[in-house]
N, C-alpha and C. Protein backbone atom coordinates (compact mmCIF):
# COMPACT_ATOMS: atom_id res chain seq x y z
N MET A 1 66.32 21.41 36.22
CA MET A 1 67.57 21.07 37.43
C MET A 1 68.34 20.58 36.75
N SER A 2 69.64 21.17 37.05
CA SER A 2 70.82 20.64 36.24
C SER A 2 71.71 19.24 37.16
N THR A 3 71.72 18.42 36.70
CA THR A 3 72.42 17.26 37.14
C THR A 3 73.92 17.36 36.83
N GLU A 4 74.51 17.93 36.05
CA GLU A 4 75.68 17.90 35.48
C GLU A 4 76.47 18.56 36.36
N PRO A 5 77.86 17.93 36.76
CA PRO A 5 78.73 19.31 37.36
C PRO A 5 79.04 20.40 36.76
N GLY A 6 79.31 21.40 37.80
CA GLY A 6 79.68 22.65 37.09
C GLY A 6 81.35 22.63 36.90
N ASP A 7 81.46 23.41 35.76
CA ASP A 7 82.81 23.62 35.45
C ASP A 7 83.80 24.28 36.34
N ARG A 8 84.63 23.74 37.00
CA ARG A 8 85.04 24.02 38.14
C ARG A 8 86.02 25.44 38.12
N ASP A 9 86.68 25.67 36.85
CA ASP A 9 87.09 27.04 37.02
C ASP A 9 86.06 28.33 36.57
N ARG A 10 85.26 27.88 35.68
CA ARG A 10 84.15 28.86 35.54
C ARG A 10 83.39 29.16 37.06
N VAL A 11 83.13 27.95 37.64
CA VAL A 11 82.36 27.95 38.97
C VAL A 11 83.02 28.88 39.99
N LYS A 12 84.23 29.01 40.42
CA LYS A 12 85.44 29.19 40.62
C LYS A 12 85.24 30.56 40.46
N HIS A 13 85.33 31.19 39.14
CA HIS A 13 85.38 32.31 38.79
C HIS A 13 83.76 33.13 39.40
N VAL A 14 82.81 32.39 39.29
CA VAL A 14 81.67 33.29 40.42
C VAL A 14 81.80 33.59 41.46
N PHE A 15 82.75 32.57 42.50
CA PHE A 15 82.65 32.80 43.87
C PHE A 15 83.65 34.20 43.67
N GLU A 16 84.94 34.34 42.91
CA GLU A 16 85.95 34.87 43.17
C GLU A 16 85.05 36.32 42.58
N ASN A 17 84.07 36.32 41.47
CA ASN A 17 83.77 37.61 41.20
C ASN A 17 82.75 38.20 42.30
N ILE A 18 82.19 37.52 42.91
CA ILE A 18 81.08 37.85 44.31
C ILE A 18 81.91 38.08 45.15
N PHE A 19 82.81 37.56 45.43
CA PHE A 19 83.51 37.90 46.85
C PHE A 19 84.19 39.37 46.66
N ARG A 20 85.05 39.55 45.29
CA ARG A 20 85.44 40.59 44.90
C ARG A 20 84.55 41.55 45.14
N ASN A 21 83.21 41.28 44.60
CA ASN A 21 82.08 42.63 44.54
C ASN A 21 82.14 43.20 46.08
N SER A 22 81.50 42.02 46.77
CA SER A 22 81.68 42.45 48.17
C SER A 22 82.43 43.35 48.91
N VAL A 23 83.94 42.47 48.54
CA VAL A 23 84.80 43.37 49.31
C VAL A 23 85.30 45.13 48.72
N GLU A 24 84.58 45.40 47.42
CA GLU A 24 84.92 46.41 46.79
C GLU A 24 83.66 47.13 47.40
N HIS A 25 82.76 47.00 47.58
CA HIS A 25 81.45 47.44 48.05
C HIS A 25 81.26 47.68 49.45
N GLY A 26 81.89 47.05 49.86
CA GLY A 26 81.50 46.52 51.67
C GLY A 26 82.95 46.90 52.53
N GLY A 27 83.76 47.63 51.90
CA GLY A 27 84.87 47.77 52.57
C GLY A 27 85.84 46.32 53.17
N PRO A 28 87.12 46.84 53.95
CA PRO A 28 88.00 45.79 54.39
C PRO A 28 87.35 44.89 55.48
N SER A 29 86.34 45.11 56.06
CA SER A 29 86.03 44.46 57.36
C SER A 29 84.61 43.78 56.89
N VAL A 30 84.61 43.86 55.73
CA VAL A 30 83.40 43.00 55.19
C VAL A 30 83.14 41.82 55.31
N SER A 31 82.39 40.68 55.92
CA SER A 31 82.16 39.53 56.31
C SER A 31 81.45 38.70 55.23
N VAL A 32 82.05 37.41 54.20
CA VAL A 32 81.15 36.92 53.34
C VAL A 32 81.07 35.45 53.85
N ARG A 33 79.84 35.12 54.11
CA ARG A 33 79.39 33.37 54.49
C ARG A 33 78.65 32.90 52.99
N THR A 34 79.19 31.57 53.05
CA THR A 34 78.16 30.81 51.98
C THR A 34 77.49 29.77 52.68
N GLY A 35 76.30 29.16 52.21
CA GLY A 35 75.60 28.11 52.61
C GLY A 35 74.78 27.50 51.60
N LEU A 36 73.66 26.48 51.72
CA LEU A 36 72.93 25.81 51.08
C LEU A 36 71.53 26.95 51.14
N VAL A 37 70.91 26.75 49.95
CA VAL A 37 69.59 27.06 49.74
C VAL A 37 68.71 25.75 49.59
N GLY A 38 68.21 25.26 50.62
CA GLY A 38 67.32 24.22 50.52
C GLY A 38 68.44 22.90 50.08
N THR A 39 67.81 22.18 48.65
CA THR A 39 68.87 21.10 48.24
C THR A 39 68.75 21.30 46.86
N GLU A 40 69.02 22.67 46.48
CA GLU A 40 68.96 22.96 44.69
C GLU A 40 69.93 24.07 44.83
N GLY A 41 70.52 24.53 45.95
CA GLY A 41 71.20 25.75 45.49
C GLY A 41 72.32 26.39 46.70
N ILE A 42 72.81 27.19 46.25
CA ILE A 42 74.03 27.84 47.53
C ILE A 42 73.43 29.46 47.61
N TYR A 43 73.94 30.03 48.46
CA TYR A 43 74.16 31.67 48.75
C TYR A 43 75.51 31.89 48.99
N ILE A 44 75.47 33.12 48.59
CA ILE A 44 76.40 33.97 48.81
C ILE A 44 76.18 35.15 49.65
N GLN A 45 76.59 35.80 50.69
CA GLN A 45 75.99 36.34 51.80
C GLN A 45 76.99 37.60 51.92
N ASP A 46 76.69 39.16 52.11
CA ASP A 46 78.03 39.62 52.95
C ASP A 46 77.35 40.32 54.18
N ASP A 47 77.85 41.08 54.81
CA ASP A 47 77.18 41.76 55.78
C ASP A 47 77.61 43.46 55.46
N GLY A 48 78.07 43.69 54.32
CA GLY A 48 78.37 45.06 53.95
C GLY A 48 76.74 45.94 53.96
N PRO A 49 76.68 46.89 53.34
CA PRO A 49 75.79 47.90 53.11
C PRO A 49 74.48 47.41 52.32
N GLY A 50 74.49 46.37 51.70
CA GLY A 50 73.52 46.00 50.55
C GLY A 50 73.49 46.50 49.42
N ILE A 51 72.58 46.09 48.49
CA ILE A 51 72.66 46.76 47.14
C ILE A 51 71.48 47.68 47.28
N PRO A 52 71.01 49.03 46.92
CA PRO A 52 69.92 49.97 46.98
C PRO A 52 69.00 49.02 45.80
N ALA A 53 67.76 49.03 46.25
CA ALA A 53 66.73 48.89 45.72
C ALA A 53 66.43 49.55 44.31
N ALA A 54 66.93 50.93 43.99
CA ALA A 54 67.02 51.89 42.67
C ALA A 54 67.86 50.83 41.56
N ILE A 55 69.03 50.57 41.95
CA ILE A 55 69.71 49.79 40.87
C ILE A 55 69.79 48.23 40.95
N ARG A 56 68.94 47.62 41.94
CA ARG A 56 68.99 46.10 41.57
C ARG A 56 68.39 45.77 40.70
N PRO A 57 67.74 46.04 39.59
CA PRO A 57 67.16 45.45 38.28
C PRO A 57 68.62 45.59 37.52
N ASP A 58 69.59 46.74 37.13
CA ASP A 58 70.93 46.70 36.75
C ASP A 58 71.75 45.84 37.17
N ILE A 59 71.98 44.96 38.12
CA ILE A 59 73.26 44.92 38.65
C ILE A 59 73.82 43.55 37.38
N PHE A 60 73.35 43.03 36.85
CA PHE A 60 73.65 41.84 35.78
C PHE A 60 73.91 42.37 34.67
N THR A 61 73.79 43.70 34.28
CA THR A 61 73.76 44.48 33.02
C THR A 61 75.24 44.30 33.09
N SER A 62 75.46 44.09 31.68
CA SER A 62 77.09 44.01 31.30
C SER A 62 77.51 46.02 31.31
N GLY A 63 78.60 45.91 31.63
CA GLY A 63 78.83 47.45 31.76
C GLY A 63 78.43 48.25 33.26
N TYR A 64 77.41 48.01 33.50
CA TYR A 64 76.93 48.63 34.70
C TYR A 64 77.76 48.53 35.73
N THR A 65 78.05 49.55 36.31
CA THR A 65 78.83 49.99 37.68
C THR A 65 78.45 51.32 38.53
N THR A 66 79.03 51.22 39.53
CA THR A 66 78.33 52.40 40.75
C THR A 66 79.72 52.71 41.18
N THR A 67 80.90 52.38 40.59
CA THR A 67 82.29 52.95 41.35
C THR A 67 83.06 53.36 40.14
N LYS A 68 84.03 54.38 40.53
CA LYS A 68 84.69 55.17 39.48
C LYS A 68 85.85 54.18 39.11
N GLY A 69 85.99 54.03 37.94
CA GLY A 69 86.94 53.07 37.30
C GLY A 69 86.68 51.56 37.33
N GLY A 70 85.42 51.21 37.71
CA GLY A 70 84.68 49.99 37.61
C GLY A 70 84.49 49.49 36.25
N THR A 71 84.48 48.49 35.67
CA THR A 71 83.96 48.35 34.38
C THR A 71 82.80 47.50 34.45
N GLY A 72 82.28 46.76 35.57
CA GLY A 72 80.95 47.04 35.13
C GLY A 72 80.47 45.15 34.71
N PHE A 73 81.52 44.65 34.70
CA PHE A 73 81.68 43.27 33.97
C PHE A 73 81.65 41.98 35.14
N GLY A 74 81.95 42.27 36.49
CA GLY A 74 81.83 41.40 37.32
C GLY A 74 80.77 40.45 37.64
N LEU A 75 79.55 41.11 37.97
CA LEU A 75 78.23 40.32 38.24
C LEU A 75 78.05 39.98 36.58
N ALA A 76 77.93 40.91 35.39
CA ALA A 76 77.37 40.27 34.01
C ALA A 76 78.11 39.01 33.77
N ILE A 77 79.24 38.81 34.30
CA ILE A 77 80.28 37.83 33.91
C ILE A 77 79.55 36.24 34.99
N VAL A 78 79.16 36.78 36.30
CA VAL A 78 78.91 35.68 37.19
C VAL A 78 77.30 35.45 36.66
N ALA A 79 76.64 36.21 36.14
CA ALA A 79 75.11 35.70 35.44
C ALA A 79 75.13 34.99 34.20
N LYS A 80 76.25 35.31 33.15
CA LYS A 80 76.29 34.44 32.08
C LYS A 80 76.98 32.85 32.12
N ILE A 81 77.94 33.02 33.62
CA ILE A 81 78.60 31.70 33.69
C ILE A 81 77.19 30.60 34.40
N VAL A 82 76.36 31.30 35.39
CA VAL A 82 75.42 30.67 35.65
C VAL A 82 74.39 30.27 34.63
N ASP A 83 73.68 31.07 33.70
CA ASP A 83 73.19 30.83 32.79
C ASP A 83 73.66 29.69 31.80
N ALA A 84 74.68 29.58 31.80
CA ALA A 84 75.47 28.47 30.88
C ALA A 84 75.47 27.43 31.28
N HIS A 85 75.30 27.10 32.91
CA HIS A 85 75.22 25.82 33.76
C HIS A 85 73.59 25.52 33.44
N ASP A 86 72.65 26.41 32.94
CA ASP A 86 71.54 26.23 33.30
C ASP A 86 70.89 26.31 34.75
N TRP A 87 71.33 27.05 35.48
CA TRP A 87 70.90 27.34 37.06
C TRP A 87 70.67 29.13 36.63
N SER A 88 70.01 29.31 37.98
CA SER A 88 69.38 30.63 38.14
C SER A 88 70.48 31.48 39.12
N ILE A 89 70.25 33.06 39.00
CA ILE A 89 71.13 33.66 40.17
C ILE A 89 69.99 35.00 40.58
N ARG A 90 69.75 35.05 41.79
CA ARG A 90 69.10 36.25 42.41
C ARG A 90 69.50 36.80 43.31
N LEU A 91 69.16 38.10 43.29
CA LEU A 91 69.77 38.92 44.60
C LEU A 91 68.52 38.88 45.62
N ALA A 92 68.61 38.21 46.58
CA ALA A 92 67.53 38.10 47.76
C ALA A 92 67.37 38.92 48.66
N GLU A 93 66.45 38.99 49.41
CA GLU A 93 66.26 40.04 50.03
C GLU A 93 66.26 39.29 51.63
N GLY A 94 66.51 40.58 52.62
CA GLY A 94 66.85 40.29 53.98
C GLY A 94 67.76 39.84 54.20
N GLY A 95 68.04 40.43 55.78
CA GLY A 95 69.43 40.14 56.48
C GLY A 95 70.42 41.00 56.45
N GLY A 96 70.35 42.05 55.76
CA GLY A 96 71.26 42.94 55.71
C GLY A 96 72.30 42.78 54.60
N GLY A 97 73.35 43.39 54.06
CA GLY A 97 74.11 43.31 52.98
C GLY A 97 73.78 42.70 51.90
N ALA A 98 74.44 42.13 51.26
CA ALA A 98 73.74 41.57 49.56
C ALA A 98 73.83 40.05 49.82
N ARG A 99 72.73 39.36 49.07
CA ARG A 99 72.93 37.94 49.26
C ARG A 99 72.27 37.36 47.73
N PHE A 100 73.39 36.61 47.20
CA PHE A 100 72.99 35.90 46.30
C PHE A 100 72.67 34.89 46.40
N GLU A 101 71.93 34.30 45.37
CA GLU A 101 71.23 32.55 45.49
C GLU A 101 71.22 32.21 44.44
N ILE A 102 72.12 31.32 43.88
CA ILE A 102 72.22 30.52 43.08
C ILE A 102 71.60 28.78 43.03
N THR A 103 69.99 29.04 42.29
CA THR A 103 69.56 27.91 42.15
C THR A 103 69.52 26.97 40.77
N GLY A 104 68.75 25.94 40.85
CA GLY A 104 68.37 24.92 39.93
C GLY A 104 70.15 24.27 39.80
N ILE A 105 70.86 24.05 40.95
CA ILE A 105 72.10 23.00 41.03
C ILE A 105 71.37 21.81 41.74
N SER A 106 71.72 20.89 41.31
CA SER A 106 71.79 19.64 42.23
C SER A 106 72.73 18.99 42.89
N LEU A 107 72.21 19.00 43.95
CA LEU A 107 73.71 18.94 45.06
C LEU A 107 73.98 17.62 45.63
N THR A 108 75.02 17.24 45.67
CA THR A 108 75.22 15.99 46.38
C THR A 108 76.08 16.26 47.38
N PRO A 109 75.55 15.47 48.47
CA PRO A 109 76.63 15.82 49.54
C PRO A 109 77.57 15.02 49.48
N SER A 110 79.03 15.47 49.54
CA SER A 110 80.08 15.02 49.57
C SER A 110 80.92 15.72 50.20
N GLN A 111 82.25 15.10 50.54
CA GLN A 111 83.53 15.79 51.58
C GLN A 111 83.97 17.00 50.58
N GLU A 112 83.97 16.99 49.31
CA GLU A 112 84.44 17.92 48.53
C GLU A 112 83.53 19.27 48.77
N ILE A 113 82.27 19.02 48.84
CA ILE A 113 81.08 20.03 48.47
C ILE A 113 81.59 20.74 49.66
N ASP A 114 81.74 19.92 50.84
CA ASP A 114 81.83 20.53 52.51
C ASP A 114 83.06 21.17 52.39
N ASP A 115 84.42 20.33 51.99
CA ASP A 115 85.43 21.40 52.15
C ASP A 115 85.40 22.54 51.40
N ALA A 116 84.82 22.75 49.89
CA ALA A 116 84.84 23.69 49.25
C ALA A 116 83.99 25.11 50.00
N MET A 117 82.98 24.66 50.57
CA MET A 117 81.86 25.52 51.44
C MET A 117 82.41 26.08 52.38
N ALA A 118 83.37 25.27 53.61
CA ALA A 118 83.79 25.83 54.87
C ALA A 118 84.65 26.55 54.35
N ALA A 119 85.71 26.10 53.17
CA ALA A 119 87.06 27.11 52.53
C ALA A 119 86.49 28.82 52.40
N SER A 120 85.16 28.72 51.74
CA SER A 120 84.69 29.91 51.39
C SER A 120 84.19 30.82 52.32
N ASP A 121 83.75 30.16 53.57
CA ASP A 121 83.27 30.81 54.66
C ASP A 121 84.38 31.97 55.45
N HIS A 122 84.85 32.98 55.36
CA HIS A 122 86.01 33.47 55.86
C HIS A 122 85.41 34.78 55.77
N ARG A 123 86.52 35.94 56.70
CA ARG A 123 86.17 37.34 56.63
C ARG A 123 87.37 37.67 55.81
N SER A 124 87.02 38.86 55.40
CA SER A 124 88.11 39.39 54.22
C SER A 124 89.33 39.80 55.02
N ALA A 125 90.14 39.65 54.32
CA ALA A 125 91.43 40.11 54.62
C ALA A 125 92.22 41.27 54.01
N VAL A 126 91.42 41.85 53.52
CA VAL A 126 91.62 42.89 52.28
C VAL A 126 92.11 44.14 53.00
């Protein structure tokens, strides 16, 4: 488990890419929320249509896309950033929509973390 703080800009990029993916595949009324996975991780979950089982093994592969004009780099970049921090990411089952869990993070309760989590719990306004 990593006890070093994450690189702020790169971690922000992780959230941006997953949020963008949710809106692109879930539509403008998709809701995205975040939360804690125990004491060692976070989740980002939307209430969109989810990711079909047949393509789940490929979603973090660079260049893999299911949308016309998509680059297939968003989730691949997410995976590389997570790996560079010695964390793990997985697509979790259940609850409908897509749920990404990032674990291996040493979470320390702080107002900054609480504020960041609260700020990211929103409805898409796209």
